């Protein structure tokens, strides 16, 4: 058993990357606990794991005392008996006496097996936590393993483990089916006793940003800059972009030739739509762009109060406001301005009244 035991540790180090010394320490501690438990904790034990000789030995530790003064045979030994073990022992020394219980092999085998299994799990959990901690606020690829028919929560295969994408973090309206390949955004990694808890999202604003970074090289190299994003998951996103190179069209870069880049993103987040607008340091121009696809006549800005009055023709009013106010709401989140949209006639009436 001992030779197989040390061979197993070699295999763990080679195949799983679990350091042998780490496992030896854990097994030594576990064996001490096991032997003390089996002897009602009424003994002091020391374990030697000799890798070179492929041996596991257990010793009882006993204080060497004068003859006739032993009060606890489990913890003390008379000098005369101690010298039979090693003639160098003197009163006050701690004698090491090899301990050979009947079920030594069974105890050590069971304990070693349990510790090895636990060690593998701990190591895997630690490696998983470390790996995904480095991917916080990044996109990872996943495969839908199963979907709970009651809660709608999806269990995802994320490579070296599994994680749950809660229904509350899925894009409203999307249907996840077993085997589907998706991308998810890592919002947080918590290392807990039972293993790392990886929080994932497809509703997070950062999810959209990372999708564009993945598909648009000009964003990755810093030529095109994502200045702001406002999003209502499952429905619509507005994204403001600019370019550090006057010869590069930031909107065209995001859309791609024949719409290939934007279509890849839309396929990932459908039924959600994306409006890409050009960012401007001029709040008037920025607000006009943010309210697209409507055409704006005039924007009056109060920069101190971060408010603005926007005038549009009557036939553009519903377009500017959007269904249930969505277009105006997203434009306000994008620009950071409170937007009041009126027709010229309504604005004139308000001033007179």
Protein backbone atom coordinates (compact mmCIF):
# COMPACT_ATOMS: atom_id res chain seq x y z
CA UNK A 1 0.00 0.00 0.00
CA UNK A 2 2.83 2.39 0.89
CA UNK A 3 4.48 2.13 -2.52
CA UNK A 4 1.13 2.72 -4.24
CA UNK A 5 0.47 5.64 -1.93
CA UNK A 6 3.69 7.46 -2.86
CA UNK A 7 3.16 6.63 -6.54
CA UNK A 8 -0.29 8.23 -6.31
CA UNK A 9 1.27 11.40 -4.90
CA UNK A 10 3.75 11.48 -7.79
CA UNK A 11 0.88 11.14 -10.24
CA UNK A 12 -1.08 13.94 -8.53
CA UNK A 13 1.88 16.28 -8.84
CA UNK A 14 2.48 15.40 -12.49
CA UNK A 15 -1.10 15.25 -13.74
CA UNK A 16 -2.95 17.68 -11.47
CA UNK A 17 -0.17 20.06 -10.48
CA UNK A 18 -0.75 19.44 -6.77
CA UNK A 19 2.61 19.77 -4.94
CA UNK A 20 3.68 16.53 -3.24
CA UNK A 21 4.89 18.35 -0.11
CA UNK A 22 1.48 20.00 0.24
CA UNK A 23 -0.24 16.61 0.18
CA UNK A 24 2.31 14.98 2.51
CA UNK A 25 1.68 17.66 5.13
CA UNK A 26 -2.07 17.18 4.89
CA UNK A 27 -1.83 13.38 5.07
CA UNK A 28 0.55 13.52 8.04
CA UNK A 29 -1.89 15.73 9.94
CA UNK A 30 -4.83 13.51 8.99
CA UNK A 31 -3.04 10.32 10.08
CA UNK A 32 -2.18 11.83 13.45
CA UNK A 33 -5.82 12.82 13.93
CA UNK A 34 -7.01 9.34 12.88
CA UNK A 35 -4.69 7.46 15.23
CA UNK A 36 -5.41 9.76 18.15
CA UNK A 37 -9.14 9.34 17.56
CA UNK A 38 -8.85 5.56 17.47
CA UNK A 39 -7.03 5.67 20.80
CA UNK A 40 -9.53 8.02 22.44
CA UNK A 41 -7.06 10.89 22.07
CA UNK A 42 -5.17 9.35 24.98
CA UNK A 43 -1.79 9.40 23.26
CA UNK A 44 0.66 11.70 21.55
CA UNK A 45 1.48 10.57 18.04
CA UNK A 46 4.06 11.46 15.43
CA UNK A 47 3.97 10.28 11.80
CA UNK A 48 6.98 9.80 9.55
CA UNK A 49 6.38 9.69 5.81
CA UNK A 50 9.65 8.44 4.35
CA UNK A 51 9.45 8.93 0.60
CA UNK A 52 12.88 7.43 -0.13
CA UNK A 53 12.02 4.16 1.65
CA UNK A 54 8.34 4.29 0.69
CA UNK A 55 7.45 3.87 4.36
CA UNK A 56 4.79 5.26 6.67
CA UNK A 57 5.56 4.88 10.37
CA UNK A 58 3.68 6.05 13.43
CA UNK A 59 5.32 6.68 16.77
CA UNK A 60 3.89 7.25 20.23
CA UNK A 61 5.56 10.08 22.08
CA UNK A 62 6.12 9.43 25.80
CA UNK A 63 7.89 11.43 28.47
CA UNK A 64 10.75 9.49 30.06
CA UNK A 65 10.32 9.38 33.87
CA UNK A 66 11.91 7.63 36.85
CA UNK A 67 10.97 4.03 37.57
CA UNK A 68 7.83 3.70 39.63
CA UNK A 69 6.56 7.23 38.84
CA UNK A 70 4.46 6.52 35.74
CA UNK A 71 1.00 8.01 36.24
CA UNK A 72 -0.27 7.74 32.66
CA UNK A 73 1.16 4.82 30.62
CA UNK A 74 -0.16 6.35 27.41
CA UNK A 75 1.91 9.48 27.92
CA UNK A 76 4.84 8.34 30.11
CA UNK A 77 7.48 5.61 30.07
CA UNK A 78 9.96 4.48 32.72
CA UNK A 79 13.63 5.14 32.01
CA UNK A 80 14.47 1.43 32.02
CA UNK A 81 11.88 0.68 29.33
CA UNK A 82 12.87 3.74 27.30
CA UNK A 83 16.48 2.56 27.15
CA UNK A 84 15.29 -0.70 25.59
CA UNK A 85 14.09 1.43 22.69
CA UNK A 86 17.15 3.68 22.56
CA UNK A 87 19.95 3.49 25.11
CA UNK A 88 20.54 7.25 24.79
CA UNK A 89 17.22 8.23 26.35
CA UNK A 90 17.45 10.01 29.73
CA UNK A 91 14.88 11.27 32.24
CA UNK A 92 13.10 14.30 30.75
CA UNK A 93 13.51 13.16 27.16
CA UNK A 94 10.58 12.38 24.86
CA UNK A 95 10.82 8.81 23.69
CA UNK A 96 9.55 7.83 20.25
CA UNK A 97 8.07 4.35 20.34
CA UNK A 98 6.92 2.80 17.10
CA UNK A 99 3.20 2.29 17.19
CA UNK A 100 1.82 -0.70 15.27
CA UNK A 101 -1.93 -0.99 15.76
CA UNK A 102 -3.63 -4.03 14.23
CA UNK A 103 -5.49 -1.97 11.65
CA UNK A 104 -2.61 0.31 10.73
CA UNK A 105 -2.94 -0.50 7.02
CA UNK A 106 -6.69 0.04 6.96
CA UNK A 107 -6.54 3.33 8.86
CA UNK A 108 -3.68 4.77 6.80
CA UNK A 109 -5.22 3.66 3.50
CA UNK A 110 -8.63 5.13 4.31
CA UNK A 111 -7.18 8.35 5.67
CA UNK A 112 -4.79 8.82 2.76
CA UNK A 113 -7.60 8.23 0.27
CA UNK A 114 -9.88 10.76 1.97
CA UNK A 115 -7.13 13.38 2.18
CA UNK A 116 -6.10 12.87 -1.44
CA UNK A 117 -9.69 13.28 -2.64
CA UNK A 118 -10.13 16.37 -0.45
CA UNK A 119 -6.77 17.74 -1.59
CA UNK A 120 -7.69 17.34 -5.25
CA UNK A 121 -11.01 19.12 -4.69
CA UNK A 122 -9.40 21.96 -2.73
CA UNK A 123 -6.72 22.39 -5.36
CA UNK A 124 -9.23 22.38 -8.20
CA UNK A 125 -11.43 24.88 -6.37
CA UNK A 126 -8.44 27.10 -5.70
CA UNK A 127 -7.26 26.93 -9.31
CA UNK A 128 -10.77 27.62 -10.59
CA UNK A 129 -11.15 30.63 -8.30
CA UNK A 130 -7.73 31.96 -9.30
CA UNK A 131 -8.44 31.49 -12.99
CA UNK A 132 -11.81 33.22 -12.97
CA UNK A 133 -10.74 35.96 -10.57
CA UNK A 134 -8.41 37.09 -13.35
CA UNK A 135 -11.41 37.11 -15.71
CA UNK A 136 -13.53 39.41 -13.57
CA UNK A 137 -15.28 42.01 -15.75
CA UNK A 138 -14.36 39.99 -18.83
CA UNK A 139 -16.29 37.79 -21.26
CA UNK A 140 -16.01 34.02 -21.16
CA UNK A 141 -17.50 31.42 -23.49
CA UNK A 142 -19.93 28.90 -22.02
CA UNK A 143 -22.22 26.08 -23.03
CA UNK A 144 -25.70 25.71 -21.59
CA UNK A 145 -25.70 22.41 -19.70
CA UNK A 146 -29.27 22.48 -18.42
CA UNK A 147 -32.06 24.93 -17.67
CA UNK A 148 -34.27 24.66 -14.60
CA UNK A 149 -37.85 24.55 -15.93
CA UNK A 150 -39.19 26.16 -12.74
CA UNK A 151 -36.71 28.97 -11.98
CA UNK A 152 -35.31 29.43 -15.48
CA UNK A 153 -31.78 29.44 -14.03
CA UNK A 154 -29.23 27.97 -16.43
CA UNK A 155 -26.30 25.77 -15.44
CA UNK A 156 -23.36 26.55 -17.72
CA UNK A 157 -20.26 24.58 -18.54
CA UNK A 158 -17.46 27.15 -18.37
CA UNK A 159 -14.54 24.89 -19.20
CA UNK A 160 -13.01 23.65 -15.94
CA UNK A 161 -16.21 23.80 -13.98
CA UNK A 162 -19.82 24.86 -13.89
CA UNK A 163 -21.55 28.08 -12.94
CA UNK A 164 -25.15 29.26 -12.75
CA UNK A 165 -26.55 32.05 -14.87
CA UNK A 166 -29.58 33.20 -12.90
CA UNK A 167 -32.76 34.04 -14.74
CA UNK A 168 -32.47 37.60 -13.39
CA UNK A 169 -29.14 38.01 -15.23
CA UNK A 170 -30.34 36.63 -18.56
CA UNK A 171 -31.42 38.92 -21.39
CA UNK A 172 -35.20 39.34 -21.16
CA UNK A 173 -36.88 37.50 -23.99
CA UNK A 174 -33.98 35.21 -24.84
CA UNK A 175 -34.45 31.44 -24.79
CA UNK A 176 -31.53 29.34 -23.56
CA UNK A 177 -31.51 25.72 -24.64
CA UNK A 178 -29.22 22.86 -23.66
CA UNK A 179 -26.11 22.77 -25.82
CA UNK A 180 -26.33 26.42 -26.85
CA UNK A 181 -23.01 28.29 -27.00
CA UNK A 182 -23.18 31.72 -25.36
CA UNK A 183 -20.95 34.42 -23.94
CA UNK A 184 -21.29 35.66 -20.37
CA UNK A 185 -19.83 38.53 -18.38
CA UNK A 186 -18.05 37.72 -15.10
CA UNK A 187 -19.27 40.23 -12.52
CA UNK A 188 -17.76 38.73 -9.36
CA UNK A 189 -15.85 35.71 -8.04
CA UNK A 190 -16.33 34.65 -4.41
CA UNK A 191 -14.07 31.96 -2.96
CA UNK A 192 -16.18 29.97 -0.51
CA UNK A 193 -15.65 26.74 1.45
CA UNK A 194 -17.50 24.58 -1.07
CA UNK A 195 -15.68 26.22 -3.96
CA UNK A 196 -15.70 29.46 -5.93
CA UNK A 197 -19.03 31.11 -6.70
CA UNK A 198 -18.79 32.80 -10.10
CA UNK A 199 -21.45 35.43 -10.70
CA UNK A 200 -22.33 35.79 -14.36
CA UNK A 201 -24.48 38.21 -16.33
CA UNK A 202 -25.75 38.93 -19.81
CA UNK A 203 -27.70 42.00 -18.64
CA UNK A 204 -24.73 43.96 -17.34
CA UNK A 205 -23.72 47.06 -19.27
CA UNK A 206 -20.16 45.75 -19.39
CA UNK A 207 -21.41 42.76 -21.41
CA UNK A 208 -22.14 45.01 -24.40
CA UNK A 209 -18.82 46.83 -24.08
CA UNK A 210 -16.85 43.58 -24.07
CA UNK A 211 -18.80 42.22 -27.05
CA UNK A 212 -17.79 45.24 -29.13
CA UNK A 213 -14.19 44.98 -27.94
CA UNK A 214 -14.21 41.36 -29.06
CA UNK A 215 -15.59 42.08 -32.52
CA UNK A 216 -14.02 45.47 -33.34
CA UNK A 217 -10.19 45.53 -33.57
CA UNK A 218 -10.18 49.32 -33.67
CA UNK A 219 -11.67 49.36 -30.15
CA UNK A 220 -9.10 46.85 -28.91
CA UNK A 221 -6.17 48.90 -30.24
CA UNK A 222 -7.59 52.16 -28.87
CA UNK A 223 -8.37 53.85 -32.20
CA UNK A 224 -12.11 53.76 -31.53
CA UNK A 225 -13.24 54.69 -28.02
CA UNK A 226 -16.50 53.69 -26.34
CA UNK A 227 -17.40 56.88 -24.45
CA UNK A 228 -20.70 55.82 -22.91
CA UNK A 229 -23.34 53.11 -22.95
CA UNK A 230 -26.96 53.15 -21.79
CA UNK A 231 -28.87 49.91 -21.91
CA UNK A 232 -32.28 48.40 -21.32
CA UNK A 233 -31.46 44.68 -21.70
CA UNK A 234 -33.55 42.72 -24.14
CA UNK A 235 -34.87 45.87 -25.77
CA UNK A 236 -32.36 48.55 -26.76
CA UNK A 237 -28.86 49.89 -26.18
CA UNK A 238 -27.39 53.25 -27.12
CA UNK A 239 -23.62 53.50 -27.39
CA UNK A 240 -21.57 56.65 -27.99
CA UNK A 241 -18.23 56.23 -29.75
CA UNK A 242 -15.41 58.48 -30.94
CA UNK A 243 -12.15 58.06 -32.84
CA UNK A 244 -8.59 59.04 -31.94
CA UNK A 245 -7.80 59.01 -35.67
CA UNK A 246 -9.66 61.50 -37.87
CA UNK A 247 -9.38 59.10 -40.80
CA UNK A 248 -11.23 56.31 -38.96
CA UNK A 249 -15.04 56.40 -38.80
CA UNK A 250 -15.94 55.11 -35.31
CA UNK A 251 -19.53 54.20 -36.23
CA UNK A 252 -18.50 52.47 -39.45
CA UNK A 253 -15.83 50.51 -37.58
CA UNK A 254 -18.41 49.21 -35.12
CA UNK A 255 -20.86 48.25 -37.86
CA UNK A 256 -18.27 46.62 -40.11
CA UNK A 257 -18.38 45.86 -43.84
CA UNK A 258 -21.95 44.98 -44.81
CA UNK A 259 -22.84 45.04 -41.12
CA UNK A 260 -20.88 41.88 -40.34
CA UNK A 261 -19.56 43.09 -36.95
CA UNK A 262 -22.78 44.52 -35.59
CA UNK A 263 -24.76 41.53 -36.87
CA UNK A 264 -22.54 39.15 -34.91
CA UNK A 265 -23.25 41.15 -31.75
CA UNK A 266 -26.98 41.40 -32.45
CA UNK A 267 -27.12 37.64 -32.94
CA UNK A 268 -25.63 37.20 -29.45
CA UNK A 269 -28.08 39.57 -27.73
CA UNK A 270 -31.26 39.22 -29.79
CA UNK A 271 -33.98 40.44 -29.58
CA UNK A 272 -32.08 43.51 -28.33
CA UNK A 273 -31.18 46.31 -30.77
CA UNK A 274 -28.19 48.69 -30.68
CA UNK A 275 -27.99 52.35 -31.72
CA UNK A 276 -24.43 53.58 -32.29
CA UNK A 277 -24.01 57.34 -32.20
CA UNK A 278 -21.03 59.66 -32.47
CA UNK A 279 -19.81 61.17 -29.23
CA UNK A 280 -19.15 64.92 -29.02
CA UNK A 281 -17.68 67.16 -26.34
CA UNK A 282 -20.29 69.71 -27.40
CA UNK A 283 -23.39 68.82 -25.33
CA UNK A 284 -25.73 70.24 -27.98
CA UNK A 285 -24.33 68.00 -30.73
CA UNK A 286 -24.09 65.05 -28.34
CA UNK A 287 -27.74 65.33 -27.26
CA UNK A 288 -28.90 65.70 -30.88
CA UNK A 289 -27.04 62.52 -31.80
CA UNK A 290 -28.30 60.68 -28.72
CA UNK A 291 -31.92 61.33 -29.71
CA UNK A 292 -31.51 59.69 -33.11
CA UNK A 293 -33.24 58.42 -35.16
CA UNK A 294 -35.32 61.57 -34.63
CA UNK A 295 -34.34 64.89 -36.21
CA UNK A 296 -33.82 67.71 -33.69
CA UNK A 297 -34.44 71.39 -34.48
CA UNK A 298 -32.78 72.95 -31.47
CA UNK A 299 -31.18 72.11 -28.11
CA UNK A 300 -30.89 74.63 -25.28
CA UNK A 301 -28.55 73.41 -22.56
CA UNK A 302 -28.16 74.38 -18.91
CA UNK A 303 -24.76 72.85 -18.12
CA UNK A 304 -24.87 73.81 -14.44
CA UNK A 305 -28.12 71.95 -13.81
CA UNK A 306 -27.41 69.28 -16.44
CA UNK A 307 -30.78 69.89 -18.09
CA UNK A 308 -31.80 70.75 -21.65
CA UNK A 309 -34.82 71.80 -23.71
CA UNK A 310 -35.11 70.00 -27.04
CA UNK A 311 -37.33 71.15 -29.91
CA UNK A 312 -38.55 68.76 -32.60
CA UNK A 313 -41.17 69.00 -35.29
CA UNK A 314 -44.54 67.45 -34.36
CA UNK A 315 -43.97 64.58 -36.77
CA UNK A 316 -40.70 63.77 -34.96
CA UNK A 317 -42.04 63.97 -31.41
CA UNK A 318 -43.07 60.34 -30.98
CA UNK A 319 -39.80 59.22 -32.57
CA UNK A 320 -37.73 61.41 -30.24
CA UNK A 321 -39.58 60.23 -27.14
CA UNK A 322 -39.77 56.61 -28.28
CA UNK A 323 -42.12 53.83 -27.26
CA UNK A 324 -43.00 54.29 -23.59
CA UNK A 325 -40.36 57.05 -23.46
CA UNK A 326 -37.47 54.66 -24.13
CA UNK A 327 -35.56 56.74 -26.69
CA UNK A 328 -35.55 59.84 -24.51
CA UNK A 329 -34.75 57.79 -21.40
CA UNK A 330 -31.74 56.08 -22.99
CA UNK A 331 -30.51 59.40 -24.42
CA UNK A 332 -30.71 60.98 -20.97
CA UNK A 333 -28.71 58.10 -19.39
CA UNK A 334 -26.17 58.26 -22.20
CA UNK A 335 -25.53 62.02 -22.02
CA UNK A 336 -26.14 62.59 -18.33
CA UNK A 337 -28.66 65.35 -19.08
CA UNK A 338 -32.29 65.57 -18.09
CA UNK A 339 -34.07 66.06 -21.42
CA UNK A 340 -37.35 67.91 -21.94
CA UNK A 341 -38.68 67.38 -25.48
CA UNK A 342 -41.28 69.68 -26.98
CA UNK A 343 -42.60 70.87 -30.32
CA UNK A 344 -42.08 74.59 -31.14
CA UNK A 345 -45.81 75.22 -30.67
CA UNK A 346 -45.88 73.52 -27.25
CA UNK A 347 -42.75 75.39 -26.17
CA UNK A 348 -44.26 78.74 -27.23
CA UNK A 349 -47.47 77.99 -25.41
CA UNK A 350 -45.57 77.07 -22.25
CA UNK A 351 -43.63 80.36 -22.36
CA UNK A 352 -46.81 82.40 -22.82
CA UNK A 353 -48.70 80.52 -20.17
